[in-house]
Protein backbone atom coordinates (compact mmCIF):
# COMPACT_ATOMS: atom_id res chain seq x y z
CA MET A 1 -51.67 -90.52 -45.35
CA ASP A 2 -48.67 -90.83 -43.03
CA CYS A 3 -45.30 -92.04 -44.25
CA PHE A 4 -43.19 -94.12 -41.94
CA ALA A 5 -39.47 -94.49 -41.99
CA PRO A 6 -37.75 -97.28 -40.15
CA GLY A 7 -38.57 -96.64 -36.50
CA GLY A 8 -40.84 -93.80 -37.64
CA LYS A 9 -43.28 -94.17 -34.75
CA ARG A 10 -40.54 -93.75 -32.26
CA ALA A 11 -39.22 -90.69 -34.09
CA HIS A 12 -42.65 -89.15 -34.04
CA GLY A 13 -43.01 -89.88 -30.35
CA ASP A 14 -39.57 -88.36 -29.60
CA ALA A 15 -40.53 -85.18 -31.48
CA ALA A 16 -43.68 -84.91 -29.46
CA LEU A 17 -41.74 -85.25 -26.22
CA THR A 18 -39.28 -82.57 -27.33
CA THR A 19 -42.07 -80.19 -28.18
CA ARG A 20 -43.72 -80.76 -24.82
CA SER A 21 -40.49 -80.26 -22.85
CA THR A 22 -39.81 -77.05 -24.74
CA SER A 23 -43.25 -75.72 -23.97
CA VAL A 24 -42.80 -76.64 -20.31
CA THR A 25 -39.52 -74.73 -20.22
CA VAL A 26 -41.13 -71.69 -21.85
CA ASN A 27 -44.00 -71.85 -19.39
CA LYS A 28 -41.58 -71.97 -16.45
CA MET A 29 -39.71 -68.99 -17.76
CA ALA A 30 -42.96 -67.13 -18.24
CA ARG A 31 -43.98 -67.91 -14.68
CA ASN A 32 -40.57 -66.85 -13.30
CA PRO A 33 -39.66 -63.42 -14.82
CA LYS A 34 -36.87 -63.02 -12.24
CA ALA A 35 -34.84 -65.51 -14.19
CA LYS A 36 -34.85 -63.16 -17.17
CA ARG A 37 -33.83 -60.19 -15.01
CA ALA A 38 -31.02 -62.14 -13.45
CA THR A 39 -29.82 -63.09 -16.87
CA ARG A 40 -29.90 -59.47 -18.00
CA ARG A 41 -28.06 -58.24 -14.89
CA SER A 42 -25.40 -60.89 -15.21
CA SER A 43 -24.86 -59.96 -18.82
CA ALA A 44 -24.73 -56.21 -18.05
CA ALA A 45 -22.35 -56.42 -15.05
CA PRO A 46 -19.11 -56.93 -16.99
CA SER A 47 -19.68 -53.59 -18.81
CA ARG A 48 -18.58 -51.56 -15.72
CA LYS A 49 -14.94 -52.53 -16.03
CA PRO A 50 -14.54 -51.09 -19.53
CA LYS A 51 -16.03 -47.81 -18.25
CA LEU A 52 -13.43 -47.61 -15.47
CA LEU A 53 -10.69 -48.35 -17.94
CA LYS A 54 -12.06 -45.68 -20.25
CA ASN A 55 -12.09 -43.06 -17.45
CA LYS A 56 -8.52 -43.93 -16.52
CA ALA A 57 -7.48 -43.68 -20.13
CA ASP A 58 -9.16 -40.27 -20.41
CA LYS A 59 -7.23 -39.03 -17.37
CA ASN A 60 -3.98 -40.26 -18.83
CA VAL A 61 -4.74 -38.51 -22.10
CA ALA A 62 -5.58 -35.29 -20.27
CA ALA A 63 -2.36 -35.46 -18.23
CA HIS A 64 -0.35 -36.04 -21.38
CA ALA A 65 -2.08 -33.13 -23.11
CA GLU A 66 -1.28 -30.87 -20.17
CA ALA A 67 2.36 -31.94 -20.26
CA VAL A 68 2.55 -31.23 -23.99
CA ARG A 69 0.87 -27.84 -23.49
CA GLN A 70 3.42 -26.89 -20.86
CA MET A 71 6.28 -27.96 -23.08
CA VAL A 72 5.22 -25.53 -25.81
CA ASP A 73 3.89 -22.74 -23.54
CA PRO A 74 6.46 -19.90 -23.44
CA LEU A 75 5.05 -18.65 -20.12
CA PHE A 76 5.63 -22.06 -18.58
CA GLU A 77 9.16 -22.16 -19.93
CA GLN A 78 9.82 -18.75 -18.43
CA GLN A 79 8.35 -19.82 -15.09
CA LEU A 80 10.48 -22.97 -15.08
CA LYS A 81 13.61 -20.99 -15.87
CA VAL A 82 12.93 -18.51 -13.06
CA TYR A 83 12.25 -21.34 -10.63
CA GLU A 84 15.51 -23.11 -11.51
CA GLN A 85 17.45 -19.86 -11.05
CA ALA A 86 15.78 -19.35 -7.68
CA VAL A 87 16.79 -22.83 -6.52
CA GLN A 88 20.38 -22.16 -7.57
CA HIS A 89 20.46 -18.94 -5.53
CA PHE A 90 18.81 -20.75 -2.63
CA GLN A 91 21.47 -23.46 -2.65
CA ALA A 92 24.19 -20.79 -2.82
CA GLN A 93 22.69 -19.12 0.29
CA LYS A 94 21.83 -15.99 -1.70
CA LEU A 95 18.49 -15.82 0.04
CA ALA A 96 17.42 -12.31 -0.90
CA LYS A 97 17.78 -13.02 -4.63
CA ALA A 98 16.19 -16.45 -4.21
CA LYS A 99 13.20 -14.85 -2.47
CA GLU A 100 12.74 -12.36 -5.30
CA LEU A 101 12.79 -15.07 -7.98
CA LEU A 102 10.54 -17.45 -6.05
CA GLU A 103 7.88 -14.75 -5.73
CA LYS A 104 7.96 -14.40 -9.52
CA ALA A 105 7.74 -18.16 -10.03
CA ILE A 106 4.64 -18.36 -7.84
CA ALA A 107 2.80 -16.07 -10.25
CA GLY A 108 3.42 -18.39 -13.25
CA PRO A 109 0.82 -20.52 -15.07
CA SER A 110 1.86 -23.93 -13.71
CA LYS A 111 0.24 -24.71 -10.37
CA GLU A 112 2.71 -27.52 -9.70
CA LEU A 113 5.70 -25.21 -10.10
CA ALA A 114 3.93 -22.51 -8.09
CA ASP A 115 3.41 -24.92 -5.20
CA ARG A 116 7.08 -25.94 -5.26
CA ALA A 117 8.14 -22.30 -5.34
CA LEU A 118 5.89 -21.51 -2.40
CA ILE A 119 7.51 -24.25 -0.30
CA HIS A 120 10.98 -22.92 -1.10
CA LEU A 121 9.83 -19.37 -0.39
CA ARG A 122 8.66 -20.28 3.10
CA ILE A 123 11.96 -21.99 3.87
CA THR A 124 13.86 -19.01 2.49
CA GLU A 125 11.92 -16.57 4.66
CA GLN A 126 12.53 -18.71 7.73
CA ARG A 127 16.26 -18.79 7.08
CA MET A 128 16.34 -15.05 6.48
CA ALA A 129 14.55 -14.43 9.78
CA LYS A 130 17.07 -16.59 11.64
CA GLN A 131 20.03 -14.66 10.31
CA ALA A 132 21.48 -12.50 13.05
CA ALA A 133 20.81 -8.81 12.68
CA PRO A 134 23.91 -6.59 12.65
CA ALA A 135 24.83 -5.33 16.08
CA LEU A 136 23.86 -1.68 16.63
CA ARG A 137 26.28 0.05 18.93
CA SER A 138 25.84 3.79 18.58
CA PRO A 139 22.80 5.98 19.31
CA GLU A 140 22.85 7.12 15.69
CA GLU A 141 22.54 3.53 14.48
CA HIS A 142 19.60 2.86 16.80
CA TYR A 143 18.03 6.16 15.70
CA GLN A 144 18.33 5.23 12.03
CA ALA A 145 16.93 1.76 12.71
CA GLY A 146 14.02 3.32 14.62
CA VAL A 147 13.19 5.69 11.75
CA ALA A 148 13.37 2.78 9.29
CA MET A 149 10.90 0.79 11.40
CA MET A 150 8.60 3.82 11.56
CA ASN A 151 8.55 4.04 7.77
CA LEU A 152 7.55 0.37 7.67
CA GLY A 153 4.78 0.87 10.22
CA ARG A 154 6.48 -1.40 12.76
CA TRP A 155 5.82 0.83 15.74
CA ASP A 156 6.99 -1.45 18.56
CA GLU A 157 10.36 -2.12 16.99
CA ALA A 158 10.77 1.59 16.21
CA ARG A 159 10.08 2.54 19.82
CA ASP A 160 12.53 -0.06 21.10
CA HIS A 161 15.36 1.35 18.96
CA LEU A 162 14.56 4.97 19.86
CA LEU A 163 14.46 4.20 23.57
CA ARG A 164 17.88 2.55 23.26
CA ALA A 165 19.19 5.62 21.43
CA LYS A 166 17.71 7.91 24.12
CA LYS A 167 19.38 5.88 26.86
CA MET A 168 22.75 6.08 25.10
CA ALA A 169 22.39 9.78 24.21
CA PRO A 170 19.99 11.47 26.68
CA LYS A 171 20.58 14.92 25.16
CA ALA A 172 20.22 14.04 21.49
CA ASP A 173 17.47 16.34 20.24
CA PHE A 174 16.87 14.29 17.07
CA VAL A 175 15.98 11.25 19.19
CA PHE A 176 13.35 13.19 21.14
CA TYR A 177 12.00 14.63 17.90
CA ALA A 178 11.66 11.15 16.37
CA MET A 179 9.97 9.84 19.51
CA ALA A 180 7.48 12.73 19.36
CA ALA A 181 6.66 11.86 15.76
CA LEU A 182 6.23 8.19 16.69
CA ASP A 183 3.88 9.16 19.53
CA CYS A 184 1.74 11.12 17.06
CA LEU A 185 1.60 8.19 14.66
CA THR A 186 0.43 5.91 17.48
CA GLY A 187 -2.09 8.41 18.92
CA GLU A 188 -0.30 9.29 22.18
CA ALA A 189 -0.81 13.03 22.47
CA GLU A 190 0.60 13.59 25.97
CA SER A 191 3.85 11.76 25.30
CA ALA A 192 4.16 13.46 21.91
CA MET A 193 3.91 16.91 23.49
CA GLU A 194 6.52 16.07 26.13
CA ASN A 195 9.03 14.69 23.64
CA LEU A 196 8.51 17.53 21.18
CA LYS A 197 8.95 20.12 23.92
CA ALA A 198 12.22 18.44 24.97
CA ALA A 199 13.44 18.36 21.36
CA ILE A 200 12.74 22.10 20.99
CA GLN A 201 14.43 22.94 24.29
CA LEU A 202 17.54 21.05 23.22
CA ARG A 203 17.47 22.59 19.74
CA PRO A 204 15.05 25.48 19.05
CA GLU A 205 15.26 24.94 15.29
CA ASN A 206 13.10 21.85 15.76
CA ARG A 207 10.17 24.21 16.29
CA TYR A 208 10.30 25.26 12.64
CA HIS A 209 10.77 21.69 11.41
CA ALA A 210 7.67 20.57 13.30
CA ARG A 211 5.50 23.27 11.71
CA ASN A 212 5.77 21.62 8.30
CA ASP A 213 6.09 18.01 9.44
CA GLU A 214 3.08 15.88 8.43
CA ASP A 215 3.84 13.43 11.23
CA PHE A 216 2.46 15.98 13.68
CA ALA A 217 -0.92 16.34 11.96
CA PHE A 218 -2.43 14.47 14.92
CA LEU A 219 -1.69 17.52 17.14
CA GLN A 220 -2.88 20.25 14.78
CA GLU A 221 -6.07 20.86 16.75
CA ASP A 222 -4.35 20.81 20.15
CA PRO A 223 -3.90 24.39 21.47
CA ARG A 224 -0.77 23.32 23.35
CA PHE A 225 0.80 22.31 20.04
CA THR A 226 0.03 25.73 18.53
CA GLU A 227 1.36 27.50 21.61
CA LEU A 228 4.57 25.44 21.50
CA LEU A 229 5.24 26.03 17.82
CA TYR A 230 4.01 29.64 17.61
CA PRO A 231 4.96 31.37 20.88
CA GLU A 232 4.85 34.76 19.15
CA ARG A 233 1.08 34.40 18.78
CA GLU A 234 0.51 34.73 22.53
CA ALA A 235 -1.77 37.61 23.40
CA PRO A 236 -0.07 40.74 24.76
CA GLY A 237 -0.04 40.89 28.53
CA SER A 238 -0.56 37.18 28.97
């Protein structure tokens, strides 16, 4: 038995219409699954921004942690102190000392400080190279400079100084002796023999020096070298 309130029929009819419209909406959504996907995508899209913020926050935390680590790291403190001293010497034009300290700072734990030190080191080396070399005026000074270049393996510069010394002192036996040694080090046997022979003619004692000089090892197997250093070994009647 149905109970009716005032306007009950209309209320029942409105409920029926609501139920039907709801079912129609559900059916449309069932027929169009793309609507659900679009809804899901639209709801998921805003989540990317928090991820970016989180990554940025992580980087900031990592940078702060690195800064704190450097503050308490004794090796970093030592590197920073050496770098600051190097900059002070650099500004005071004490380039040799600055170069020494910058090379130490480059080997420290902080890459940032090492990069800064490397930049200063390159500038320091450029300035040192531009500084005028002291003027060499005597054959002895050119001879000493030539021997120094030989010890550093800078053959061309050594030869240039020795040739200048030879031009200034054409009868200096020690210059010819040094040139003979340089020729051996650079593999020039003919020139080495000529210069060594001249050195011995100018000063016979050079023959005995050459016998024990390792710079002439290149000529050990050359019979002319043996004949020049050991003339007493010549066969009788030769």
